[in-house]
Amino acid sequence: MDRLSLWEGAHLAAIETTFPGWRILVRNRCWWATKHTPPTPAQKTAGVLHQFARPGPLELVAALTDQLGILSRMGAA
């Protein structure tokens, strides 16, 4: 994991708390999310990703929110 600034560390902690179904880490200045439980075939078809990266914490939160929306519509969130 990259060495994080205080600001980044605060974001990381908040994201981990808000999205407990995902492992969050920062590597090579990219913010990564990996779903603890791999998506089912139906979830994959609906657009649920097992792992993805975004350039910053705000973009990662937006993508995680989208993922939770898909899961919620499927009754799985």
PDB file of N, CA and C in Angstrom:
ATOM      1  N   MET A   1       0.844  -1.170   0.000  1.00  0.00           N
ATOM      2  CA  MET A   1       0.000   0.000   0.000  1.00  0.00           C
ATOM      3  C   MET A   1       0.891   1.236   0.000  1.00  0.00           C
ATOM      4  N   ASP A   2       0.442   2.262  -0.690  1.00  0.00           N
ATOM      5  CA  ASP A   2       1.190   3.513  -0.744  1.00  0.00           C
ATOM      6  C   ASP A   2       1.137   4.221   0.614  1.00  0.00           C
ATOM      7  N   ARG A   3       2.150   5.047   0.846  1.00  0.00           N
ATOM      8  CA  ARG A   3       2.127   5.914   2.032  1.00  0.00           C
ATOM      9  C   ARG A   3       1.090   7.003   1.760  1.00  0.00           C
ATOM     10  N   LEU A   4       0.162   7.173   2.684  1.00  0.00           N
ATOM     11  CA  LEU A   4      -0.949   8.093   2.477  1.00  0.00           C
ATOM     12  C   LEU A   4      -0.781   9.359   3.295  1.00  0.00           C
ATOM     13  N   SER A   5      -1.299  10.446   2.757  1.00  0.00           N
ATOM     14  CA  SER A   5      -1.363  11.688   3.518  1.00  0.00           C
ATOM     15  C   SER A   5      -2.457  11.541   4.582  1.00  0.00           C
ATOM     16  N   LEU A   6      -2.506  12.454   5.522  1.00  0.00           N
ATOM     17  CA  LEU A   6      -3.565  12.427   6.538  1.00  0.00           C
ATOM     18  C   LEU A   6      -4.939  12.505   5.880  1.00  0.00           C
ATOM     19  N   TRP A   7      -5.067  13.356   4.872  1.00  0.00           N
ATOM     20  CA  TRP A   7      -6.326  13.519   4.139  1.00  0.00           C
ATOM     21  C   TRP A   7      -6.723  12.199   3.482  1.00  0.00           C
ATOM     22  N   GLU A   8      -5.773  11.549   2.817  1.00  0.00           N
ATOM     23  CA  GLU A   8      -6.064  10.273   2.153  1.00  0.00           C
ATOM     24  C   GLU A   8      -6.400   9.188   3.177  1.00  0.00           C
ATOM     25  N   GLY A   9      -5.660   9.165   4.286  1.00  0.00           N
ATOM     26  CA  GLY A   9      -5.937   8.191   5.334  1.00  0.00           C
ATOM     27  C   GLY A   9      -7.333   8.350   5.917  1.00  0.00           C
ATOM     28  N   ALA A  10      -7.752   9.594   6.094  1.00  0.00           N
ATOM     29  CA  ALA A  10      -9.107   9.854   6.595  1.00  0.00           C
ATOM     30  C   ALA A  10     -10.155   9.369   5.593  1.00  0.00           C
ATOM     31  N   HIS A  11      -9.907   9.616   4.321  1.00  0.00           N
ATOM     32  CA  HIS A  11     -10.833   9.129   3.286  1.00  0.00           C
ATOM     33  C   HIS A  11     -10.872   7.605   3.269  1.00  0.00           C
ATOM     34  N   LEU A  12      -9.718   6.986   3.344  1.00  0.00           N
ATOM     35  CA  LEU A  12      -9.653   5.525   3.329  1.00  0.00           C
ATOM     36  C   LEU A  12     -10.463   4.941   4.487  1.00  0.00           C
ATOM     37  N   ALA A  13     -10.284   5.467   5.678  1.00  0.00           N
ATOM     38  CA  ALA A  13     -11.017   4.975   6.843  1.00  0.00           C
ATOM     39  C   ALA A  13     -12.527   5.164   6.670  1.00  0.00           C
ATOM     40  N   ALA A  14     -12.930   6.314   6.163  1.00  0.00           N
ATOM     41  CA  ALA A  14     -14.358   6.578   5.963  1.00  0.00           C
ATOM     42  C   ALA A  14     -14.955   5.647   4.910  1.00  0.00           C
ATOM     43  N   ILE A  15     -14.220   5.405   3.836  1.00  0.00           N
ATOM     44  CA  ILE A  15     -14.713   4.520   2.773  1.00  0.00           C
ATOM     45  C   ILE A  15     -14.834   3.089   3.299  1.00  0.00           C
ATOM     46  N   GLU A  16     -13.834   2.630   4.033  1.00  0.00           N
ATOM     47  CA  GLU A  16     -13.875   1.273   4.590  1.00  0.00           C
ATOM     48  C   GLU A  16     -15.075   1.097   5.528  1.00  0.00           C
ATOM     49  N   THR A  17     -15.380   2.120   6.296  1.00  0.00           N
ATOM     50  CA  THR A  17     -16.516   2.065   7.217  1.00  0.00           C
ATOM     51  C   THR A  17     -17.846   2.094   6.464  1.00  0.00           C
ATOM     52  N   THR A  18     -17.913   2.899   5.436  1.00  0.00           N
ATOM     53  CA  THR A  18     -19.148   3.081   4.687  1.00  0.00           C
ATOM     54  C   THR A  18     -19.463   1.896   3.779  1.00  0.00           C
ATOM     55  N   PHE A  19     -18.441   1.229   3.274  1.00  0.00           N
ATOM     56  CA  PHE A  19     -18.617   0.124   2.329  1.00  0.00           C
ATOM     57  C   PHE A  19     -17.943  -1.139   2.884  1.00  0.00           C
ATOM     58  N   PRO A  20     -18.520  -1.745   3.937  1.00  0.00           N
ATOM     59  CA  PRO A  20     -17.853  -2.876   4.590  1.00  0.00           C
ATOM     60  C   PRO A  20     -17.761  -4.141   3.732  1.00  0.00           C
ATOM     61  N   GLY A  21     -18.503  -4.219   2.667  1.00  0.00           N
ATOM     62  CA  GLY A  21     -18.445  -5.398   1.802  1.00  0.00           C
ATOM     63  C   GLY A  21     -17.288  -5.375   0.824  1.00  0.00           C
ATOM     64  N   TRP A  22     -16.456  -4.344   0.923  1.00  0.00           N
ATOM     65  CA  TRP A  22     -15.358  -4.162  -0.032  1.00  0.00           C
ATOM     66  C   TRP A  22     -14.046  -3.956   0.709  1.00  0.00           C
ATOM     67  N   ARG A  23     -12.978  -4.489   0.156  1.00  0.00           N
ATOM     68  CA  ARG A  23     -11.628  -4.208   0.658  1.00  0.00           C
ATOM     69  C   ARG A  23     -11.111  -3.019  -0.141  1.00  0.00           C
ATOM     70  N   ILE A  24     -10.654  -2.002   0.531  1.00  0.00           N
ATOM     71  CA  ILE A  24     -10.188  -0.774  -0.120  1.00  0.00           C
ATOM     72  C   ILE A  24      -8.694  -0.642   0.122  1.00  0.00           C
ATOM     73  N   LEU A  25      -7.959  -0.308  -0.932  1.00  0.00           N
ATOM     74  CA  LEU A  25      -6.540  -0.011  -0.771  1.00  0.00           C
ATOM     75  C   LEU A  25      -6.089   0.977  -1.826  1.00  0.00           C
ATOM     76  N   VAL A  26      -4.958   1.584  -1.542  1.00  0.00           N
ATOM     77  CA  VAL A  26      -4.354   2.541  -2.468  1.00  0.00           C
ATOM     78  C   VAL A  26      -3.016   1.960  -2.893  1.00  0.00           C
ATOM     79  N   ARG A  27      -2.855   1.790  -4.185  1.00  0.00           N
ATOM     80  CA  ARG A  27      -1.616   1.240  -4.727  1.00  0.00           C
ATOM     81  C   ARG A  27      -1.284   1.984  -6.015  1.00  0.00           C
ATOM     82  N   ASN A  28      -0.033   2.412  -6.109  1.00  0.00           N
ATOM     83  CA  ASN A  28       0.431   3.153  -7.295  1.00  0.00           C
ATOM     84  C   ASN A  28      -0.463   4.354  -7.596  1.00  0.00           C
ATOM     85  N   ARG A  29      -0.883   5.024  -6.516  1.00  0.00           N
ATOM     86  CA  ARG A  29      -1.704   6.238  -6.583  1.00  0.00           C
ATOM     87  C   ARG A  29      -3.106   5.991  -7.138  1.00  0.00           C
ATOM     88  N   CYS A  30      -3.508   4.736  -7.283  1.00  0.00           N
ATOM     89  CA  CYS A  30      -4.875   4.390  -7.677  1.00  0.00           C
ATOM     90  C   CYS A  30      -5.602   3.831  -6.459  1.00  0.00           C
ATOM     91  N   TRP A  31      -6.874   4.125  -6.373  1.00  0.00           N
ATOM     92  CA  TRP A  31      -7.719   3.641  -5.290  1.00  0.00           C
ATOM     93  C   TRP A  31      -8.476   2.420  -5.784  1.00  0.00           C
ATOM     94  N   TRP A  32      -8.270   1.288  -5.100  1.00  0.00           N
ATOM     95  CA  TRP A  32      -8.830   0.000  -5.512  1.00  0.00           C
ATOM     96  C   TRP A  32      -9.917  -0.458  -4.556  1.00  0.00           C
ATOM     97  N   ALA A  33     -10.941  -1.104  -5.121  1.00  0.00           N
ATOM     98  CA  ALA A  33     -11.980  -1.758  -4.326  1.00  0.00           C
ATOM     99  C   ALA A  33     -12.102  -3.190  -4.829  1.00  0.00           C
ATOM    100  N   THR A  34     -12.109  -4.127  -3.888  1.00  0.00           N
ATOM    101  CA  THR A  34     -12.309  -5.539  -4.211  1.00  0.00           C
ATOM    102  C   THR A  34     -13.457  -6.047  -3.353  1.00  0.00           C
ATOM    103  N   LYS A  35     -14.463  -6.600  -3.998  1.00  0.00           N
ATOM    104  CA  LYS A  35     -15.632  -7.122  -3.289  1.00  0.00           C
ATOM    105  C   LYS A  35     -15.209  -8.351  -2.496  1.00  0.00           C
ATOM    106  N   HIS A  36     -15.578  -8.398  -1.197  1.00  0.00           N
ATOM    107  CA  HIS A  36     -15.204  -9.536  -0.358  1.00  0.00           C
ATOM    108  C   HIS A  36     -15.771 -10.842  -0.907  1.00  0.00           C
ATOM    109  N   THR A  37     -17.004 -10.802  -1.381  1.00  0.00           N
ATOM    110  CA  THR A  37     -17.650 -11.978  -1.956  1.00  0.00           C
ATOM    111  C   THR A  37     -17.754 -11.765  -3.460  1.00  0.00           C
ATOM    112  N   PRO A  38     -17.146 -12.639  -4.264  1.00  0.00           N
ATOM    113  CA  PRO A  38     -17.232 -12.443  -5.716  1.00  0.00           C
ATOM    114  C   PRO A  38     -18.690 -12.388  -6.179  1.00  0.00           C
ATOM    115  N   PRO A  39     -18.971 -11.562  -7.169  1.00  0.00           N
ATOM    116  CA  PRO A  39     -20.352 -11.466  -7.653  1.00  0.00           C
ATOM    117  C   PRO A  39     -20.801 -12.776  -8.305  1.00  0.00           C
ATOM    118  N   THR A  40     -22.086 -13.033  -8.175  1.00  0.00           N
ATOM    119  CA  THR A  40     -22.685 -14.194  -8.835  1.00  0.00           C
ATOM    120  C   THR A  40     -22.747 -13.925 -10.337  1.00  0.00           C
ATOM    121  N   PRO A  41     -22.989 -14.960 -11.134  1.00  0.00           N
ATOM    122  CA  PRO A  41     -23.155 -14.725 -12.578  1.00  0.00           C
ATOM    123  C   PRO A  41     -24.250 -13.688 -12.876  1.00  0.00           C
ATOM    124  N   ALA A  42     -25.356 -13.742 -12.164  1.00  0.00           N
ATOM    125  CA  ALA A  42     -26.435 -12.766 -12.393  1.00  0.00           C
ATOM    126  C   ALA A  42     -25.985 -11.353 -12.033  1.00  0.00           C
ATOM    127  N   GLN A  43     -25.229 -11.218 -10.943  1.00  0.00           N
ATOM    128  CA  GLN A  43     -24.722  -9.900 -10.553  1.00  0.00           C
ATOM    129  C   GLN A  43     -23.732  -9.376 -11.582  1.00  0.00           C
ATOM    130  N   LYS A  44     -22.875 -10.261 -12.100  1.00  0.00           N
ATOM    131  CA  LYS A  44     -21.933  -9.838 -13.149  1.00  0.00           C
ATOM    132  C   LYS A  44     -22.678  -9.338 -14.370  1.00  0.00           C
ATOM    133  N   THR A  45     -23.724 -10.056 -14.752  1.00  0.00           N
ATOM    134  CA  THR A  45     -24.522  -9.651 -15.913  1.00  0.00           C
ATOM    135  C   THR A  45     -25.153  -8.282 -15.685  1.00  0.00           C
ATOM    136  N   ALA A  46     -25.539  -8.011 -14.448  1.00  0.00           N
ATOM    137  CA  ALA A  46     -26.160  -6.728 -14.111  1.00  0.00           C
ATOM    138  C   ALA A  46     -25.141  -5.596 -14.008  1.00  0.00           C
ATOM    139  N   GLY A  47     -23.841  -5.935 -13.965  1.00  0.00           N
ATOM    140  CA  GLY A  47     -22.814  -4.901 -13.926  1.00  0.00           C
ATOM    141  C   GLY A  47     -22.002  -4.829 -12.656  1.00  0.00           C
ATOM    142  N   VAL A  48     -22.187  -5.785 -11.740  1.00  0.00           N
ATOM    143  CA  VAL A  48     -21.400  -5.787 -10.508  1.00  0.00           C
ATOM    144  C   VAL A  48     -19.991  -6.266 -10.838  1.00  0.00           C
ATOM    145  N   LEU A  49     -19.015  -5.518 -10.367  1.00  0.00           N
ATOM    146  CA  LEU A  49     -17.609  -5.838 -10.607  1.00  0.00           C
ATOM    147  C   LEU A  49     -17.000  -6.475  -9.368  1.00  0.00           C
ATOM    148  N   HIS A  50     -16.059  -7.380  -9.563  1.00  0.00           N
ATOM    149  CA  HIS A  50     -15.358  -7.972  -8.425  1.00  0.00           C
ATOM    150  C   HIS A  50     -14.272  -7.025  -7.924  1.00  0.00           C
ATOM    151  N   GLN A  51     -13.611  -6.329  -8.858  1.00  0.00           N
ATOM    152  CA  GLN A  51     -12.530  -5.411  -8.491  1.00  0.00           C
ATOM    153  C   GLN A  51     -12.455  -4.297  -9.519  1.00  0.00           C
ATOM    154  N   PHE A  52     -12.131  -3.105  -9.045  1.00  0.00           N
ATOM    155  CA  PHE A  52     -11.935  -1.976  -9.956  1.00  0.00           C
ATOM    156  C   PHE A  52     -11.090  -0.907  -9.281  1.00  0.00           C
ATOM    157  N   ALA A  53     -10.549  -0.023 -10.082  1.00  0.00           N
ATOM    158  CA  ALA A  53      -9.719   1.075  -9.571  1.00  0.00           C
ATOM    159  C   ALA A  53     -10.240   2.404 -10.099  1.00  0.00           C
ATOM    160  N   ARG A  54     -10.011   3.425  -9.322  1.00  0.00           N
ATOM    161  CA  ARG A  54     -10.346   4.785  -9.717  1.00  0.00           C
ATOM    162  C   ARG A  54      -9.172   5.685  -9.317  1.00  0.00           C
ATOM    163  N   PRO A  55      -9.057   6.868  -9.937  1.00  0.00           N
ATOM    164  CA  PRO A  55      -7.890   7.719  -9.673  1.00  0.00           C
ATOM    165  C   PRO A  55      -7.879   8.409  -8.311  1.00  0.00           C
ATOM    166  N   GLY A  56      -9.002   8.461  -7.629  1.00  0.00           N
ATOM    167  CA  GLY A  56      -9.036   9.133  -6.336  1.00  0.00           C
ATOM    168  C   GLY A  56     -10.187   8.638  -5.489  1.00  0.00           C
ATOM    169  N   PRO A  57     -10.229   9.073  -4.222  1.00  0.00           N
ATOM    170  CA  PRO A  57     -11.260   8.588  -3.312  1.00  0.00           C
ATOM    171  C   PRO A  57     -12.676   9.013  -3.695  1.00  0.00           C
ATOM    172  N   LEU A  58     -12.836  10.191  -4.217  1.00  0.00           N
ATOM    173  CA  LEU A  58     -14.180  10.644  -4.589  1.00  0.00           C
ATOM    174  C   LEU A  58     -14.734   9.826  -5.749  1.00  0.00           C
ATOM    175  N   GLU A  59     -13.886   9.533  -6.717  1.00  0.00           N
ATOM    176  CA  GLU A  59     -14.302   8.692  -7.844  1.00  0.00           C
ATOM    177  C   GLU A  59     -14.601   7.270  -7.378  1.00  0.00           C
ATOM    178  N   LEU A  60     -13.815   6.782  -6.417  1.00  0.00           N
ATOM    179  CA  LEU A  60     -14.054   5.439  -5.891  1.00  0.00           C
ATOM    180  C   LEU A  60     -15.398   5.380  -5.167  1.00  0.00           C
ATOM    181  N   VAL A  61     -15.704   6.382  -4.362  1.00  0.00           N
ATOM    182  CA  VAL A  61     -16.991   6.419  -3.653  1.00  0.00           C
ATOM    183  C   VAL A  61     -18.142   6.449  -4.655  1.00  0.00           C
ATOM    184  N   ALA A  62     -18.011   7.226  -5.713  1.00  0.00           N
ATOM    185  CA  ALA A  62     -19.067   7.270  -6.733  1.00  0.00           C
ATOM    186  C   ALA A  62     -19.273   5.892  -7.362  1.00  0.00           C
ATOM    187  N   ALA A  63     -18.187   5.208  -7.687  1.00  0.00           N
ATOM    188  CA  ALA A  63     -18.286   3.885  -8.301  1.00  0.00           C
ATOM    189  C   ALA A  63     -18.857   2.864  -7.315  1.00  0.00           C
ATOM    190  N   LEU A  64     -18.446   2.921  -6.054  1.00  0.00           N
ATOM    191  CA  LEU A  64     -18.989   2.011  -5.050  1.00  0.00           C
ATOM    192  C   LEU A  64     -20.481   2.254  -4.838  1.00  0.00           C
ATOM    193  N   THR A  65     -20.885   3.503  -4.858  1.00  0.00           N
ATOM    194  CA  THR A  65     -22.304   3.840  -4.734  1.00  0.00           C
ATOM    195  C   THR A  65     -23.078   3.254  -5.902  1.00  0.00           C
ATOM    196  N   ASP A  66     -22.531   3.335  -7.105  1.00  0.00           N
ATOM    197  CA  ASP A  66     -23.168   2.716  -8.280  1.00  0.00           C
ATOM    198  C   ASP A  66     -23.292   1.206  -8.088  1.00  0.00           C
ATOM    199  N   GLN A  67     -22.228   0.576  -7.588  1.00  0.00           N
ATOM    200  CA  GLN A  67     -22.244  -0.868  -7.364  1.00  0.00           C
ATOM    201  C   GLN A  67     -23.328  -1.241  -6.343  1.00  0.00           C
ATOM    202  N   LEU A  68     -23.433  -0.474  -5.261  1.00  0.00           N
ATOM    203  CA  LEU A  68     -24.466  -0.748  -4.266  1.00  0.00           C
ATOM    204  C   LEU A  68     -25.857  -0.548  -4.843  1.00  0.00           C
ATOM    205  N   GLY A  69     -25.994   0.416  -5.743  1.00  0.00           N
ATOM    206  CA  GLY A  69     -27.283   0.628  -6.405  1.00  0.00           C
ATOM    207  C   GLY A  69     -27.700  -0.593  -7.212  1.00  0.00           C
ATOM    208  N   ILE A  70     -26.767  -1.158  -7.949  1.00  0.00           N
ATOM    209  CA  ILE A  70     -27.061  -2.364  -8.729  1.00  0.00           C
ATOM    210  C   ILE A  70     -27.462  -3.498  -7.793  1.00  0.00           C
ATOM    211  N   LEU A  71     -26.695  -3.713  -6.748  1.00  0.00           N
ATOM    212  CA  LEU A  71     -26.995  -4.779  -5.802  1.00  0.00           C
ATOM    213  C   LEU A  71     -28.337  -4.557  -5.112  1.00  0.00           C
ATOM    214  N   SER A  72     -28.631  -3.325  -4.785  1.00  0.00           N
ATOM    215  CA  SER A  72     -29.899  -3.000  -4.129  1.00  0.00           C
ATOM    216  C   SER A  72     -31.078  -3.308  -5.055  1.00  0.00           C
ATOM    217  N   ARG A  73     -30.957  -2.931  -6.315  1.00  0.00           N
ATOM    218  CA  ARG A  73     -32.036  -3.211  -7.269  1.00  0.00           C
ATOM    219  C   ARG A  73     -32.245  -4.713  -7.444  1.00  0.00           C
ATOM    220  N   MET A  74     -31.193  -5.481  -7.222  1.00  0.00           N
ATOM    221  CA  MET A  74     -31.291  -6.940  -7.324  1.00  0.00           C
ATOM    222  C   MET A  74     -31.738  -7.565  -6.005  1.00  0.00           C
ATOM    223  N   GLY A  75     -31.858  -6.761  -4.957  1.00  0.00           N
ATOM    224  CA  GLY A  75     -32.247  -7.265  -3.649  1.00  0.00           C
ATOM    225  C   GLY A  75     -31.100  -7.916  -2.903  1.00  0.00           C
ATOM    226  N   ALA A  76     -29.861  -7.587  -3.285  1.00  0.00           N
ATOM    227  CA  ALA A  76     -28.695  -8.246  -2.694  1.00  0.00           C
ATOM    228  C   ALA A  76     -27.846  -7.330  -1.829  1.00  0.00           C
ATOM    229  N   ALA A  77     -28.207  -6.083  -1.693  1.00  0.00           N
ATOM    230  CA  ALA A  77     -27.359  -5.148  -0.932  1.00  0.00           C
ATOM    231  C   ALA A  77     -27.631  -5.233   0.542  1.00  0.00           C
TER     232      ALA A  77
END
